[in-house]
Amino acid sequence: MLDGFLTTDDLRALTGYDRAGDVERCLTKQGVRFFLGKEGPWTTRELINAAGGLTPAGNDETYGGSIL
């Protein structure tokens, strides 16, 4: 696993599925955004956290409509 990146092999281990298509379906069902590479899907920790409703630390800025 490269700094924050999850490869297809990482995702296979995490989901328990062997086939790339099954991994894709699992990620889609869980709301995880992913990208398709030669070996299959890959994603980042940030995208997995976002699917779980978590935001990066220090990213609690909210803006109102007044900034428009």
N, C-alpha and C. Protein backbone atom coordinates (compact mmCIF):
# COMPACT_ATOMS: atom_id res chain seq x y z
N MET A 1 0.85 -1.17 0.00
CA MET A 1 0.00 0.00 0.00
C MET A 1 0.89 1.24 0.00
N LEU A 2 0.82 2.04 -1.04
CA LEU A 2 1.55 3.29 -1.11
C LEU A 2 0.78 4.34 -0.30
N ASP A 3 1.48 5.27 0.27
CA ASP A 3 0.88 6.33 1.09
C ASP A 3 -0.55 6.70 0.71
N GLY A 4 -1.51 6.05 1.32
CA GLY A 4 -2.90 6.38 1.12
C GLY A 4 -3.58 5.73 -0.07
N PHE A 5 -2.83 5.07 -0.94
CA PHE A 5 -3.41 4.41 -2.10
C PHE A 5 -3.67 2.95 -1.77
N LEU A 6 -4.80 2.45 -2.23
CA LEU A 6 -5.14 1.04 -2.05
C LEU A 6 -5.24 0.40 -3.42
N THR A 7 -4.37 -0.57 -3.67
CA THR A 7 -4.34 -1.26 -4.96
C THR A 7 -5.44 -2.31 -5.02
N THR A 8 -5.59 -2.89 -6.19
CA THR A 8 -6.57 -3.96 -6.35
C THR A 8 -6.29 -5.10 -5.38
N ASP A 9 -5.02 -5.45 -5.21
CA ASP A 9 -4.68 -6.53 -4.27
C ASP A 9 -5.04 -6.14 -2.84
N ASP A 10 -4.81 -4.89 -2.46
CA ASP A 10 -5.21 -4.42 -1.13
C ASP A 10 -6.72 -4.55 -0.96
N LEU A 11 -7.45 -4.14 -1.99
CA LEU A 11 -8.91 -4.18 -1.92
C LEU A 11 -9.44 -5.61 -1.90
N ARG A 12 -8.75 -6.51 -2.60
CA ARG A 12 -9.14 -7.93 -2.54
C ARG A 12 -9.01 -8.45 -1.12
N ALA A 13 -7.91 -8.10 -0.46
CA ALA A 13 -7.69 -8.55 0.91
C ALA A 13 -8.72 -7.94 1.87
N LEU A 14 -9.06 -6.68 1.66
CA LEU A 14 -10.00 -6.00 2.53
C LEU A 14 -11.44 -6.48 2.35
N THR A 15 -11.83 -6.75 1.11
CA THR A 15 -13.21 -7.14 0.84
C THR A 15 -13.43 -8.65 0.95
N GLY A 16 -12.38 -9.43 0.74
CA GLY A 16 -12.52 -10.88 0.75
C GLY A 16 -12.90 -11.45 -0.61
N TYR A 17 -13.01 -10.60 -1.61
CA TYR A 17 -13.34 -11.06 -2.97
C TYR A 17 -12.08 -11.24 -3.78
N ASP A 18 -12.09 -12.24 -4.67
CA ASP A 18 -10.93 -12.51 -5.51
C ASP A 18 -11.01 -11.83 -6.88
N ARG A 19 -12.20 -11.77 -7.44
CA ARG A 19 -12.35 -11.20 -8.78
C ARG A 19 -12.51 -9.68 -8.72
N ALA A 20 -11.87 -9.00 -9.66
CA ALA A 20 -11.92 -7.55 -9.70
C ALA A 20 -13.35 -7.02 -9.81
N GLY A 21 -14.18 -7.71 -10.59
CA GLY A 21 -15.58 -7.30 -10.74
C GLY A 21 -16.34 -7.36 -9.44
N ASP A 22 -16.06 -8.38 -8.63
CA ASP A 22 -16.71 -8.49 -7.33
C ASP A 22 -16.25 -7.38 -6.39
N VAL A 23 -14.97 -7.05 -6.47
CA VAL A 23 -14.44 -5.94 -5.66
C VAL A 23 -15.13 -4.64 -6.07
N GLU A 24 -15.27 -4.40 -7.37
CA GLU A 24 -15.94 -3.20 -7.88
C GLU A 24 -17.37 -3.11 -7.35
N ARG A 25 -18.11 -4.21 -7.42
CA ARG A 25 -19.49 -4.21 -6.94
C ARG A 25 -19.56 -3.91 -5.46
N CYS A 26 -18.63 -4.47 -4.70
CA CYS A 26 -18.59 -4.22 -3.26
C CYS A 26 -18.33 -2.75 -2.97
N LEU A 27 -17.36 -2.16 -3.65
CA LEU A 27 -17.04 -0.74 -3.45
C LEU A 27 -18.22 0.14 -3.83
N THR A 28 -18.87 -0.19 -4.95
CA THR A 28 -20.02 0.59 -5.40
C THR A 28 -21.15 0.52 -4.37
N LYS A 29 -21.41 -0.68 -3.88
CA LYS A 29 -22.47 -0.88 -2.90
C LYS A 29 -22.21 -0.08 -1.62
N GLN A 30 -20.94 0.05 -1.25
CA GLN A 30 -20.57 0.77 -0.03
C GLN A 30 -20.41 2.28 -0.27
N GLY A 31 -20.55 2.72 -1.51
CA GLY A 31 -20.44 4.14 -1.82
C GLY A 31 -19.02 4.66 -1.90
N VAL A 32 -18.07 3.74 -2.13
CA VAL A 32 -16.66 4.14 -2.23
C VAL A 32 -16.35 4.48 -3.68
N ARG A 33 -15.84 5.69 -3.89
CA ARG A 33 -15.42 6.07 -5.24
C ARG A 33 -14.09 5.40 -5.54
N PHE A 34 -13.93 4.94 -6.77
CA PHE A 34 -12.71 4.23 -7.16
C PHE A 34 -12.39 4.52 -8.61
N PHE A 35 -11.20 4.11 -9.00
CA PHE A 35 -10.72 4.27 -10.36
C PHE A 35 -10.40 2.89 -10.90
N LEU A 36 -10.46 2.74 -12.21
CA LEU A 36 -10.15 1.45 -12.84
C LEU A 36 -8.77 1.51 -13.46
N GLY A 37 -7.93 0.58 -13.06
CA GLY A 37 -6.59 0.44 -13.62
C GLY A 37 -6.50 -0.84 -14.42
N LYS A 38 -5.30 -1.16 -14.90
CA LYS A 38 -5.10 -2.38 -15.68
C LYS A 38 -5.43 -3.63 -14.88
N GLU A 39 -5.10 -3.62 -13.60
CA GLU A 39 -5.31 -4.80 -12.75
C GLU A 39 -6.70 -4.84 -12.14
N GLY A 40 -7.41 -3.71 -12.18
CA GLY A 40 -8.72 -3.64 -11.56
C GLY A 40 -8.88 -2.33 -10.80
N PRO A 41 -9.83 -2.27 -9.87
CA PRO A 41 -10.10 -1.02 -9.18
C PRO A 41 -8.99 -0.65 -8.18
N TRP A 42 -8.84 0.65 -7.99
CA TRP A 42 -7.96 1.15 -6.94
C TRP A 42 -8.62 2.40 -6.36
N THR A 43 -8.26 2.75 -5.15
CA THR A 43 -8.85 3.91 -4.50
C THR A 43 -7.86 4.49 -3.49
N THR A 44 -8.31 5.41 -2.68
CA THR A 44 -7.46 6.00 -1.66
C THR A 44 -8.14 5.88 -0.30
N ARG A 45 -7.37 6.04 0.73
CA ARG A 45 -7.94 6.03 2.08
C ARG A 45 -8.94 7.16 2.24
N GLU A 46 -8.63 8.32 1.66
CA GLU A 46 -9.52 9.47 1.78
C GLU A 46 -10.89 9.18 1.17
N LEU A 47 -10.92 8.48 0.03
CA LEU A 47 -12.20 8.16 -0.60
C LEU A 47 -12.98 7.14 0.23
N ILE A 48 -12.29 6.23 0.86
CA ILE A 48 -12.97 5.27 1.74
C ILE A 48 -13.53 6.00 2.96
N ASN A 49 -12.73 6.89 3.54
CA ASN A 49 -13.21 7.66 4.69
C ASN A 49 -14.40 8.53 4.32
N ALA A 50 -14.36 9.13 3.13
CA ALA A 50 -15.47 9.97 2.69
C ALA A 50 -16.76 9.15 2.57
N ALA A 51 -16.65 7.92 2.09
CA ALA A 51 -17.82 7.05 1.97
C ALA A 51 -18.39 6.74 3.34
N GLY A 52 -17.52 6.73 4.34
CA GLY A 52 -17.97 6.48 5.71
C GLY A 52 -18.40 7.73 6.45
N GLY A 53 -18.35 8.88 5.76
CA GLY A 53 -18.79 10.12 6.38
C GLY A 53 -17.71 10.85 7.16
N LEU A 54 -16.47 10.40 7.04
CA LEU A 54 -15.38 11.06 7.75
C LEU A 54 -14.74 12.12 6.87
N THR A 55 -14.29 13.20 7.47
CA THR A 55 -13.61 14.25 6.72
C THR A 55 -12.18 14.35 7.22
N PRO A 56 -11.28 14.82 6.39
CA PRO A 56 -9.89 14.98 6.83
C PRO A 56 -9.78 15.96 7.99
N ALA A 57 -8.84 15.72 8.88
CA ALA A 57 -8.63 16.61 10.03
C ALA A 57 -8.30 18.01 9.53
N GLY A 58 -8.85 19.00 10.20
CA GLY A 58 -8.57 20.37 9.83
C GLY A 58 -9.40 20.87 8.66
N ASN A 59 -10.32 20.06 8.18
CA ASN A 59 -11.15 20.45 7.04
C ASN A 59 -12.58 20.72 7.51
N ASP A 60 -12.71 21.55 8.53
CA ASP A 60 -14.04 21.82 9.07
C ASP A 60 -14.56 23.20 8.68
N GLU A 61 -14.01 23.75 7.59
CA GLU A 61 -14.46 25.05 7.11
C GLU A 61 -15.81 24.90 6.42
N THR A 62 -16.73 25.75 6.82
CA THR A 62 -18.02 25.79 6.15
C THR A 62 -18.28 27.23 5.72
N TYR A 63 -18.85 27.38 4.59
CA TYR A 63 -19.11 28.69 4.04
C TYR A 63 -20.60 28.85 3.81
N GLY A 64 -21.08 30.01 4.11
CA GLY A 64 -22.46 30.32 3.87
C GLY A 64 -22.65 30.89 2.48
N GLY A 65 -23.88 31.14 2.11
CA GLY A 65 -24.17 31.69 0.81
C GLY A 65 -23.69 33.12 0.63
N SER A 66 -23.29 33.77 1.72
CA SER A 66 -22.86 35.17 1.66
C SER A 66 -21.54 35.35 0.91
N ILE A 67 -20.78 34.29 0.69
CA ILE A 67 -19.50 34.45 0.00
C ILE A 67 -19.67 34.54 -1.50
N LEU A 68 -20.88 34.26 -1.98
CA LEU A 68 -21.11 34.30 -3.43
C LEU A 68 -21.17 35.68 -3.90
